[in-house]
Amino acid sequence: MRDGSYCHRHDRVAESQAPDAPDHTKIMTFTDDEFKESVTADTGIRPSWATESFTDPAVDVLQSIRRIRASPFVPFRDSLRGFVFDVATGRLTEALEPASA
């Protein structure tokens, strides 16, 4: 969980024939380095893994879709879609790849 409530539901993705990759607009703001410095200050140990912070939920959803499509553990990848939930308006917007030029 990167922002307190963001979570891929891998159990659902693996069982669904039309998996989704949801995200939302209410995001805590931090960079990977800021997060690692905070953890290091609290624990004395610097994390070796990346938090993969992001500024654009739609871009993050598209990255999640690419990861799911590349996974050998997800058998149904043909009908994969991703969405961003706008906490303020309640709207769900599909994240789409930019059109090829």
PDB file of N, CA and C in Angstrom:
ATOM      1  N   MET A   1       0.847  -1.176   0.000  1.00  0.00           N
ATOM      2  CA  MET A   1       0.000   0.000   0.000  1.00  0.00           C
ATOM      3  C   MET A   1       0.888   1.233   0.000  1.00  0.00           C
ATOM      4  N   ARG A   2       0.812   1.994  -1.057  1.00  0.00           N
ATOM      5  CA  ARG A   2       1.686   3.148  -1.158  1.00  0.00           C
ATOM      6  C   ARG A   2       1.072   4.395  -0.552  1.00  0.00           C
ATOM      7  N   ASP A   3      -0.232   4.491  -0.520  1.00  0.00           N
ATOM      8  CA  ASP A   3      -0.835   5.730  -0.055  1.00  0.00           C
ATOM      9  C   ASP A   3      -1.897   5.510   1.005  1.00  0.00           C
ATOM     10  N   GLY A   4      -1.877   4.392   1.661  1.00  0.00           N
ATOM     11  CA  GLY A   4      -2.814   4.132   2.737  1.00  0.00           C
ATOM     12  C   GLY A   4      -4.047   3.360   2.310  1.00  0.00           C
ATOM     13  N   SER A   5      -4.411   3.428   1.021  1.00  0.00           N
ATOM     14  CA  SER A   5      -5.590   2.679   0.617  1.00  0.00           C
ATOM     15  C   SER A   5      -5.469   2.099  -0.783  1.00  0.00           C
ATOM     16  N   TYR A   6      -4.361   2.284  -1.437  1.00  0.00           N
ATOM     17  CA  TYR A   6      -4.151   1.738  -2.774  1.00  0.00           C
ATOM     18  C   TYR A   6      -3.714   0.288  -2.664  1.00  0.00           C
ATOM     19  N   CYS A   7      -4.347  -0.572  -3.393  1.00  0.00           N
ATOM     20  CA  CYS A   7      -3.971  -1.978  -3.305  1.00  0.00           C
ATOM     21  C   CYS A   7      -4.424  -2.698  -4.557  1.00  0.00           C
ATOM     22  N   HIS A   8      -3.525  -3.432  -5.196  1.00  0.00           N
ATOM     23  CA  HIS A   8      -3.932  -4.318  -6.282  1.00  0.00           C
ATOM     24  C   HIS A   8      -4.505  -5.559  -5.638  1.00  0.00           C
ATOM     25  N   ARG A   9      -5.594  -6.014  -6.124  1.00  0.00           N
ATOM     26  CA  ARG A   9      -6.195  -7.212  -5.567  1.00  0.00           C
ATOM     27  C   ARG A   9      -5.764  -8.391  -6.412  1.00  0.00           C
ATOM     28  N   HIS A  10      -4.538  -8.857  -6.186  1.00  0.00           N
ATOM     29  CA  HIS A  10      -3.986  -9.933  -6.983  1.00  0.00           C
ATOM     30  C   HIS A  10      -4.838 -11.192  -6.923  1.00  0.00           C
ATOM     31  N   ASP A  11      -5.464 -11.453  -5.767  1.00  0.00           N
ATOM     32  CA  ASP A  11      -6.304 -12.642  -5.661  1.00  0.00           C
ATOM     33  C   ASP A  11      -7.469 -12.565  -6.633  1.00  0.00           C
ATOM     34  N   ARG A  12      -8.036 -11.381  -6.801  1.00  0.00           N
ATOM     35  CA  ARG A  12      -9.153 -11.189  -7.712  1.00  0.00           C
ATOM     36  C   ARG A  12      -8.678 -11.233  -9.158  1.00  0.00           C
ATOM     37  N   VAL A  13      -7.554 -10.583  -9.433  1.00  0.00           N
ATOM     38  CA  VAL A  13      -7.031 -10.555 -10.783  1.00  0.00           C
ATOM     39  C   VAL A  13      -6.786 -11.967 -11.294  1.00  0.00           C
ATOM     40  N   ALA A  14      -6.205 -12.802 -10.473  1.00  0.00           N
ATOM     41  CA  ALA A  14      -5.860 -14.151 -10.894  1.00  0.00           C
ATOM     42  C   ALA A  14      -7.099 -14.990 -11.197  1.00  0.00           C
ATOM     43  N   GLU A  15      -8.214 -14.696 -10.557  1.00  0.00           N
ATOM     44  CA  GLU A  15      -9.414 -15.495 -10.736  1.00  0.00           C
ATOM     45  C   GLU A  15     -10.383 -14.911 -11.751  1.00  0.00           C
ATOM     46  N   SER A  16     -10.228 -13.654 -12.106  1.00  0.00           N
ATOM     47  CA  SER A  16     -11.179 -12.972 -12.970  1.00  0.00           C
ATOM     48  C   SER A  16     -10.815 -13.139 -14.442  1.00  0.00           C
ATOM     49  N   GLN A  17     -11.820 -13.202 -15.285  1.00  0.00           N
ATOM     50  CA  GLN A  17     -11.563 -13.233 -16.717  1.00  0.00           C
ATOM     51  C   GLN A  17     -11.513 -11.824 -17.285  1.00  0.00           C
ATOM     52  N   ALA A  18     -11.864 -10.820 -16.512  1.00  0.00           N
ATOM     53  CA  ALA A  18     -11.786  -9.431 -16.937  1.00  0.00           C
ATOM     54  C   ALA A  18     -11.232  -8.606 -15.773  1.00  0.00           C
ATOM     55  N   PRO A  19      -9.942  -8.783 -15.460  1.00  0.00           N
ATOM     56  CA  PRO A  19      -9.378  -8.084 -14.303  1.00  0.00           C
ATOM     57  C   PRO A  19      -9.320  -6.582 -14.514  1.00  0.00           C
ATOM     58  N   ASP A  20      -9.289  -5.850 -13.413  1.00  0.00           N
ATOM     59  CA  ASP A  20      -9.161  -4.403 -13.489  1.00  0.00           C
ATOM     60  C   ASP A  20      -7.987  -3.969 -12.626  1.00  0.00           C
ATOM     61  N   ALA A  21      -7.571  -2.719 -12.824  1.00  0.00           N
ATOM     62  CA  ALA A  21      -6.463  -2.164 -12.049  1.00  0.00           C
ATOM     63  C   ALA A  21      -6.915  -0.791 -11.555  1.00  0.00           C
ATOM     64  N   PRO A  22      -7.605  -0.731 -10.413  1.00  0.00           N
ATOM     65  CA  PRO A  22      -8.145   0.537  -9.932  1.00  0.00           C
ATOM     66  C   PRO A  22      -7.082   1.397  -9.246  1.00  0.00           C
ATOM     67  N   ASP A  23      -7.306   2.688  -9.244  1.00  0.00           N
ATOM     68  CA  ASP A  23      -6.493   3.636  -8.492  1.00  0.00           C
ATOM     69  C   ASP A  23      -7.432   4.774  -8.124  1.00  0.00           C
ATOM     70  N   HIS A  24      -6.975   5.739  -7.375  1.00  0.00           N
ATOM     71  CA  HIS A  24      -7.839   6.840  -6.987  1.00  0.00           C
ATOM     72  C   HIS A  24      -7.048   8.128  -6.906  1.00  0.00           C
ATOM     73  N   THR A  25      -7.769   9.238  -6.758  1.00  0.00           N
ATOM     74  CA  THR A  25      -7.144  10.560  -6.827  1.00  0.00           C
ATOM     75  C   THR A  25      -6.707  11.109  -5.484  1.00  0.00           C
ATOM     76  N   LYS A  26      -7.036  10.458  -4.378  1.00  0.00           N
ATOM     77  CA  LYS A  26      -6.646  10.957  -3.064  1.00  0.00           C
ATOM     78  C   LYS A  26      -5.341  10.283  -2.664  1.00  0.00           C
ATOM     79  N   ILE A  27      -4.237  10.940  -2.984  1.00  0.00           N
ATOM     80  CA  ILE A  27      -2.927  10.322  -2.864  1.00  0.00           C
ATOM     81  C   ILE A  27      -2.032  11.155  -1.963  1.00  0.00           C
ATOM     82  N   MET A  28      -1.325  10.478  -1.072  1.00  0.00           N
ATOM     83  CA  MET A  28      -0.304  11.152  -0.276  1.00  0.00           C
ATOM     84  C   MET A  28       0.858  11.475  -1.203  1.00  0.00           C
ATOM     85  N   THR A  29       1.486  12.620  -0.994  1.00  0.00           N
ATOM     86  CA  THR A  29       2.566  13.030  -1.868  1.00  0.00           C
ATOM     87  C   THR A  29       3.913  12.819  -1.199  1.00  0.00           C
ATOM     88  N   PHE A  30       4.756  12.025  -1.845  1.00  0.00           N
ATOM     89  CA  PHE A  30       6.131  11.823  -1.395  1.00  0.00           C
ATOM     90  C   PHE A  30       6.921  11.248  -2.562  1.00  0.00           C
ATOM     91  N   THR A  31       8.226  11.438  -2.505  1.00  0.00           N
ATOM     92  CA  THR A  31       9.098  10.817  -3.503  1.00  0.00           C
ATOM     93  C   THR A  31       9.682   9.550  -2.897  1.00  0.00           C
ATOM     94  N   ASP A  32      10.266   8.719  -3.749  1.00  0.00           N
ATOM     95  CA  ASP A  32      10.915   7.507  -3.253  1.00  0.00           C
ATOM     96  C   ASP A  32      11.979   7.848  -2.223  1.00  0.00           C
ATOM     97  N   ASP A  33      12.806   8.859  -2.531  1.00  0.00           N
ATOM     98  CA  ASP A  33      13.890   9.242  -1.618  1.00  0.00           C
ATOM     99  C   ASP A  33      13.352   9.771  -0.285  1.00  0.00           C
ATOM    100  N   GLU A  34      12.295  10.577  -0.323  1.00  0.00           N
ATOM    101  CA  GLU A  34      11.708  11.088   0.925  1.00  0.00           C
ATOM    102  C   GLU A  34      11.194   9.946   1.792  1.00  0.00           C
ATOM    103  N   PHE A  35      10.539   8.997   1.168  1.00  0.00           N
ATOM    104  CA  PHE A  35      10.020   7.855   1.912  1.00  0.00           C
ATOM    105  C   PHE A  35      11.155   7.049   2.538  1.00  0.00           C
ATOM    106  N   LYS A  36      12.172   6.760   1.735  1.00  0.00           N
ATOM    107  CA  LYS A  36      13.297   5.974   2.239  1.00  0.00           C
ATOM    108  C   LYS A  36      14.019   6.693   3.377  1.00  0.00           C
ATOM    109  N   GLU A  37      14.163   8.020   3.264  1.00  0.00           N
ATOM    110  CA  GLU A  37      14.794   8.790   4.338  1.00  0.00           C
ATOM    111  C   GLU A  37      13.962   8.716   5.612  1.00  0.00           C
ATOM    112  N   SER A  38      12.640   8.765   5.474  1.00  0.00           N
ATOM    113  CA  SER A  38      11.752   8.683   6.632  1.00  0.00           C
ATOM    114  C   SER A  38      11.866   7.316   7.317  1.00  0.00           C
ATOM    115  N   VAL A  39      11.870   6.250   6.527  1.00  0.00           N
ATOM    116  CA  VAL A  39      11.995   4.904   7.091  1.00  0.00           C
ATOM    117  C   VAL A  39      13.355   4.746   7.754  1.00  0.00           C
ATOM    118  N   THR A  40      14.392   5.261   7.103  1.00  0.00           N
ATOM    119  CA  THR A  40      15.740   5.178   7.667  1.00  0.00           C
ATOM    120  C   THR A  40      15.816   5.916   8.996  1.00  0.00           C
ATOM    121  N   ALA A  41      15.198   7.095   9.066  1.00  0.00           N
ATOM    122  CA  ALA A  41      15.198   7.870  10.308  1.00  0.00           C
ATOM    123  C   ALA A  41      14.456   7.130  11.420  1.00  0.00           C
ATOM    124  N   ASP A  42      13.363   6.452  11.064  1.00  0.00           N
ATOM    125  CA  ASP A  42      12.561   5.729  12.059  1.00  0.00           C
ATOM    126  C   ASP A  42      13.172   4.407  12.499  1.00  0.00           C
ATOM    127  N   THR A  43      13.862   3.720  11.575  1.00  0.00           N
ATOM    128  CA  THR A  43      14.315   2.357  11.866  1.00  0.00           C
ATOM    129  C   THR A  43      15.823   2.170  11.861  1.00  0.00           C
ATOM    130  N   GLY A  44      16.531   3.117  11.241  1.00  0.00           N
ATOM    131  CA  GLY A  44      17.970   2.972  11.090  1.00  0.00           C
ATOM    132  C   GLY A  44      18.360   2.083   9.922  1.00  0.00           C
ATOM    133  N   ILE A  45      17.367   1.608   9.160  1.00  0.00           N
ATOM    134  CA  ILE A  45      17.618   0.742   8.014  1.00  0.00           C
ATOM    135  C   ILE A  45      16.998   1.380   6.770  1.00  0.00           C
ATOM    136  N   ARG A  46      17.819   1.549   5.727  1.00  0.00           N
ATOM    137  CA  ARG A  46      17.311   2.119   4.476  1.00  0.00           C
ATOM    138  C   ARG A  46      16.721   0.993   3.618  1.00  0.00           C
ATOM    139  N   PRO A  47      15.463   1.132   3.195  1.00  0.00           N
ATOM    140  CA  PRO A  47      14.853   0.094   2.358  1.00  0.00           C
ATOM    141  C   PRO A  47      15.616  -0.067   1.041  1.00  0.00           C
ATOM    142  N   SER A  48      15.766  -1.302   0.598  1.00  0.00           N
ATOM    143  CA  SER A  48      16.435  -1.562  -0.671  1.00  0.00           C
ATOM    144  C   SER A  48      15.441  -1.581  -1.831  1.00  0.00           C
ATOM    145  N   TRP A  49      14.154  -1.626  -1.515  1.00  0.00           N
ATOM    146  CA  TRP A  49      13.115  -1.706  -2.531  1.00  0.00           C
ATOM    147  C   TRP A  49      12.560  -0.313  -2.849  1.00  0.00           C
ATOM    148  N   ALA A  50      11.985  -0.186  -4.021  1.00  0.00           N
ATOM    149  CA  ALA A  50      11.416   1.088  -4.468  1.00  0.00           C
ATOM    150  C   ALA A  50       9.952   1.196  -4.054  1.00  0.00           C
ATOM    151  N   THR A  51       9.553   2.378  -3.627  1.00  0.00           N
ATOM    152  CA  THR A  51       8.144   2.612  -3.303  1.00  0.00           C
ATOM    153  C   THR A  51       7.334   2.862  -4.568  1.00  0.00           C
ATOM    154  N   GLU A  52       8.012   3.226  -5.623  1.00  0.00           N
ATOM    155  CA  GLU A  52       7.372   3.539  -6.900  1.00  0.00           C
ATOM    156  C   GLU A  52       6.307   4.607  -6.748  1.00  0.00           C
ATOM    157  N   SER A  53       6.700   5.716  -6.134  1.00  0.00           N
ATOM    158  CA  SER A  53       5.772   6.832  -5.991  1.00  0.00           C
ATOM    159  C   SER A  53       5.405   7.365  -7.378  1.00  0.00           C
ATOM    160  N   PHE A  54       4.268   8.034  -7.455  1.00  0.00           N
ATOM    161  CA  PHE A  54       3.801   8.553  -8.735  1.00  0.00           C
ATOM    162  C   PHE A  54       3.017   9.831  -8.508  1.00  0.00           C
ATOM    163  N   THR A  55       2.900  10.644  -9.557  1.00  0.00           N
ATOM    164  CA  THR A  55       2.144  11.887  -9.468  1.00  0.00           C
ATOM    165  C   THR A  55       0.853  11.830 -10.267  1.00  0.00           C
ATOM    166  N   ASP A  56       0.756  10.902 -11.199  1.00  0.00           N
ATOM    167  CA  ASP A  56      -0.420  10.806 -12.062  1.00  0.00           C
ATOM    168  C   ASP A  56      -1.048   9.422 -11.908  1.00  0.00           C
ATOM    169  N   PRO A  57      -2.231   9.337 -11.299  1.00  0.00           N
ATOM    170  CA  PRO A  57      -2.863   8.034 -11.086  1.00  0.00           C
ATOM    171  C   PRO A  57      -3.116   7.269 -12.387  1.00  0.00           C
ATOM    172  N   ALA A  58      -3.473   7.961 -13.460  1.00  0.00           N
ATOM    173  CA  ALA A  58      -3.741   7.275 -14.731  1.00  0.00           C
ATOM    174  C   ALA A  58      -2.479   6.614 -15.273  1.00  0.00           C
ATOM    175  N   VAL A  59      -1.354   7.301 -15.177  1.00  0.00           N
ATOM    176  CA  VAL A  59      -0.085   6.729 -15.626  1.00  0.00           C
ATOM    177  C   VAL A  59       0.264   5.510 -14.771  1.00  0.00           C
ATOM    178  N   ASP A  60       0.015   5.594 -13.472  1.00  0.00           N
ATOM    179  CA  ASP A  60       0.283   4.464 -12.584  1.00  0.00           C
ATOM    180  C   ASP A  60      -0.611   3.273 -12.918  1.00  0.00           C
ATOM    181  N   VAL A  61      -1.873   3.537 -13.216  1.00  0.00           N
ATOM    182  CA  VAL A  61      -2.788   2.459 -13.589  1.00  0.00           C
ATOM    183  C   VAL A  61      -2.299   1.772 -14.865  1.00  0.00           C
ATOM    184  N   LEU A  62      -1.870   2.560 -15.843  1.00  0.00           N
ATOM    185  CA  LEU A  62      -1.375   1.980 -17.091  1.00  0.00           C
ATOM    186  C   LEU A  62      -0.136   1.124 -16.845  1.00  0.00           C
ATOM    187  N   GLN A  63       0.736   1.561 -15.940  1.00  0.00           N
ATOM    188  CA  GLN A  63       1.900   0.750 -15.571  1.00  0.00           C
ATOM    189  C   GLN A  63       1.445  -0.554 -14.916  1.00  0.00           C
ATOM    190  N   SER A  64       0.444  -0.490 -14.064  1.00  0.00           N
ATOM    191  CA  SER A  64      -0.094  -1.694 -13.427  1.00  0.00           C
ATOM    192  C   SER A  64      -0.665  -2.651 -14.467  1.00  0.00           C
ATOM    193  N   ILE A  65      -1.360  -2.118 -15.452  1.00  0.00           N
ATOM    194  CA  ILE A  65      -1.919  -2.949 -16.521  1.00  0.00           C
ATOM    195  C   ILE A  65      -0.798  -3.653 -17.281  1.00  0.00           C
ATOM    196  N   ARG A  66       0.274  -2.915 -17.592  1.00  0.00           N
ATOM    197  CA  ARG A  66       1.402  -3.527 -18.309  1.00  0.00           C
ATOM    198  C   ARG A  66       2.005  -4.664 -17.482  1.00  0.00           C
ATOM    199  N   ARG A  67       2.107  -4.467 -16.178  1.00  0.00           N
ATOM    200  CA  ARG A  67       2.648  -5.525 -15.316  1.00  0.00           C
ATOM    201  C   ARG A  67       1.732  -6.745 -15.285  1.00  0.00           C
ATOM    202  N   ILE A  68       0.443  -6.520 -15.185  1.00  0.00           N
ATOM    203  CA  ILE A  68      -0.507  -7.631 -15.161  1.00  0.00           C
ATOM    204  C   ILE A  68      -0.445  -8.386 -16.486  1.00  0.00           C
ATOM    205  N   ARG A  69      -0.393  -7.655 -17.607  1.00  0.00           N
ATOM    206  CA  ARG A  69      -0.311  -8.303 -18.924  1.00  0.00           C
ATOM    207  C   ARG A  69       0.961  -9.134 -19.056  1.00  0.00           C
ATOM    208  N   ALA A  70       2.033  -8.688 -18.438  1.00  0.00           N
ATOM    209  CA  ALA A  70       3.315  -9.395 -18.542  1.00  0.00           C
ATOM    210  C   ALA A  70       3.419 -10.572 -17.575  1.00  0.00           C
ATOM    211  N   SER A  71       2.500 -10.679 -16.645  1.00  0.00           N
ATOM    212  CA  SER A  71       2.578 -11.726 -15.625  1.00  0.00           C
ATOM    213  C   SER A  71       2.203 -13.091 -16.187  1.00  0.00           C
ATOM    214  N   PRO A  72       3.032 -14.080 -15.959  1.00  0.00           N
ATOM    215  CA  PRO A  72       2.679 -15.435 -16.384  1.00  0.00           C
ATOM    216  C   PRO A  72       1.630 -16.073 -15.465  1.00  0.00           C
ATOM    217  N   PHE A  73       1.310 -15.415 -14.362  1.00  0.00           N
ATOM    218  CA  PHE A  73       0.371 -15.961 -13.387  1.00  0.00           C
ATOM    219  C   PHE A  73      -1.072 -15.515 -13.620  1.00  0.00           C
ATOM    220  N   VAL A  74      -1.292 -14.613 -14.575  1.00  0.00           N
ATOM    221  CA  VAL A  74      -2.638 -14.123 -14.875  1.00  0.00           C
ATOM    222  C   VAL A  74      -3.063 -14.721 -16.214  1.00  0.00           C
ATOM    223  N   PRO A  75      -3.976 -15.691 -16.183  1.00  0.00           N
ATOM    224  CA  PRO A  75      -4.324 -16.392 -17.418  1.00  0.00           C
ATOM    225  C   PRO A  75      -5.203 -15.587 -18.381  1.00  0.00           C
ATOM    226  N   PHE A  76      -5.984 -14.651 -17.893  1.00  0.00           N
ATOM    227  CA  PHE A  76      -6.912 -13.902 -18.734  1.00  0.00           C
ATOM    228  C   PHE A  76      -6.460 -12.447 -18.824  1.00  0.00           C
ATOM    229  N   ARG A  77      -5.772 -12.092 -19.911  1.00  0.00           N
ATOM    230  CA  ARG A  77      -5.210 -10.744 -20.048  1.00  0.00           C
ATOM    231  C   ARG A  77      -5.762  -9.994 -21.250  1.00  0.00           C
ATOM    232  N   ASP A  78      -6.667 -10.594 -22.003  1.00  0.00           N
ATOM    233  CA  ASP A  78      -7.144  -9.970 -23.236  1.00  0.00           C
ATOM    234  C   ASP A  78      -8.104  -8.804 -22.996  1.00  0.00           C
ATOM    235  N   SER A  79      -8.833  -8.842 -21.919  1.00  0.00           N
ATOM    236  CA  SER A  79      -9.862  -7.836 -21.660  1.00  0.00           C
ATOM    237  C   SER A  79      -9.524  -7.010 -20.423  1.00  0.00           C
ATOM    238  N   LEU A  80      -8.280  -6.627 -20.302  1.00  0.00           N
ATOM    239  CA  LEU A  80      -7.825  -5.902 -19.113  1.00  0.00           C
ATOM    240  C   LEU A  80      -8.066  -4.407 -19.278  1.00  0.00           C
ATOM    241  N   ARG A  81      -8.654  -3.798 -18.253  1.00  0.00           N
ATOM    242  CA  ARG A  81      -8.927  -2.357 -18.252  1.00  0.00           C
ATOM    243  C   ARG A  81      -8.520  -1.792 -16.899  1.00  0.00           C
ATOM    244  N   GLY A  82      -8.219  -0.493 -16.866  1.00  0.00           N
ATOM    245  CA  GLY A  82      -7.848   0.160 -15.625  1.00  0.00           C
ATOM    246  C   GLY A  82      -8.615   1.458 -15.449  1.00  0.00           C
ATOM    247  N   PHE A  83      -8.860   1.821 -14.196  1.00  0.00           N
ATOM    248  CA  PHE A  83      -9.682   2.991 -13.892  1.00  0.00           C
ATOM    249  C   PHE A  83      -9.066   3.807 -12.763  1.00  0.00           C
ATOM    250  N   VAL A  84      -9.410   5.096 -12.745  1.00  0.00           N
ATOM    251  CA  VAL A  84      -9.049   5.982 -11.648  1.00  0.00           C
ATOM    252  C   VAL A  84     -10.346   6.469 -11.027  1.00  0.00           C
ATOM    253  N   PHE A  85     -10.452   6.312  -9.715  1.00  0.00           N
ATOM    254  CA  PHE A  85     -11.626   6.788  -8.983  1.00  0.00           C
ATOM    255  C   PHE A  85     -11.325   8.174  -8.442  1.00  0.00           C
ATOM    256  N   ASP A  86     -12.142   9.152  -8.808  1.00  0.00           N
ATOM    257  CA  ASP A  86     -11.995  10.519  -8.310  1.00  0.00           C
ATOM    258  C   ASP A  86     -12.759  10.626  -6.991  1.00  0.00           C
ATOM    259  N   VAL A  87     -12.029  10.739  -5.907  1.00  0.00           N
ATOM    260  CA  VAL A  87     -12.629  10.751  -4.576  1.00  0.00           C
ATOM    261  C   VAL A  87     -13.572  11.940  -4.404  1.00  0.00           C
ATOM    262  N   ALA A  88     -13.226  13.081  -4.979  1.00  0.00           N
ATOM    263  CA  ALA A  88     -14.027  14.294  -4.804  1.00  0.00           C
ATOM    264  C   ALA A  88     -15.372  14.212  -5.523  1.00  0.00           C
ATOM    265  N   THR A  89     -15.394  13.636  -6.733  1.00  0.00           N
ATOM    266  CA  THR A  89     -16.632  13.629  -7.522  1.00  0.00           C
ATOM    267  C   THR A  89     -17.333  12.280  -7.549  1.00  0.00           C
ATOM    268  N   GLY A  90     -16.629  11.228  -7.171  1.00  0.00           N
ATOM    269  CA  GLY A  90     -17.200   9.896  -7.247  1.00  0.00           C
ATOM    270  C   GLY A  90     -17.155   9.306  -8.648  1.00  0.00           C
ATOM    271  N   ARG A  91     -16.491   9.989  -9.577  1.00  0.00           N
ATOM    272  CA  ARG A  91     -16.430   9.505 -10.961  1.00  0.00           C
ATOM    273  C   ARG A  91     -15.315   8.484 -11.144  1.00  0.00           C
ATOM    274  N   LEU A  92     -15.588   7.533 -11.998  1.00  0.00           N
ATOM    275  CA  LEU A  92     -14.630   6.513 -12.368  1.00  0.00           C
ATOM    276  C   LEU A  92     -14.244   6.784 -13.818  1.00  0.00           C
ATOM    277  N   THR A  93     -12.939   6.992 -14.067  1.00  0.00           N
ATOM    278  CA  THR A  93     -12.460   7.311 -15.409  1.00  0.00           C
ATOM    279  C   THR A  93     -11.514   6.218 -15.877  1.00  0.00           C
ATOM    280  N   GLU A  94     -11.774   5.715 -17.066  1.00  0.00           N
ATOM    281  CA  GLU A  94     -10.893   4.667 -17.599  1.00  0.00           C
ATOM    282  C   GLU A  94      -9.562   5.275 -18.009  1.00  0.00           C
ATOM    283  N   ALA A  95      -8.491   4.598 -17.633  1.00  0.00           N
ATOM    284  CA  ALA A  95      -7.142   5.015 -18.034  1.00  0.00           C
ATOM    285  C   ALA A  95      -6.852   4.339 -19.370  1.00  0.00           C
ATOM    286  N   LEU A  96      -6.560   5.147 -20.370  1.00  0.00           N
ATOM    287  CA  LEU A  96      -6.328   4.633 -21.718  1.00  0.00           C
ATOM    288  C   LEU A  96      -4.923   4.967 -22.180  1.00  0.00           C
ATOM    289  N   GLU A  97      -4.323   4.057 -22.930  1.00  0.00           N
ATOM    290  CA  GLU A  97      -3.021   4.323 -23.529  1.00  0.00           C
ATOM    291  C   GLU A  97      -3.182   5.459 -24.543  1.00  0.00           C
ATOM    292  N   PRO A  98      -2.168   6.326 -24.651  1.00  0.00           N
ATOM    293  CA  PRO A  98      -2.244   7.384 -25.662  1.00  0.00           C
ATOM    294  C   PRO A  98      -2.337   6.769 -27.066  1.00  0.00           C
ATOM    295  N   ALA A  99      -3.061   7.447 -27.947  1.00  0.00           N
ATOM    296  CA  ALA A  99      -3.191   6.968 -29.331  1.00  0.00           C
ATOM    297  C   ALA A  99      -1.828   7.049 -30.023  1.00  0.00           C
ATOM    298  N   SER A 100      -1.536   6.060 -30.829  1.00  0.00           N
ATOM    299  CA  SER A 100      -0.277   6.052 -31.579  1.00  0.00           C
ATOM    300  C   SER A 100      -0.319   7.116 -32.655  1.00  0.00           C
ATOM    301  N   ALA A 101       0.832   7.749 -32.860  1.00  0.00           N
ATOM    302  CA  ALA A 101       0.888   8.804 -33.882  1.00  0.00           C
ATOM    303  C   ALA A 101       1.209   8.232 -35.242  1.00  0.00           C
TER     304      ALA A 101
END
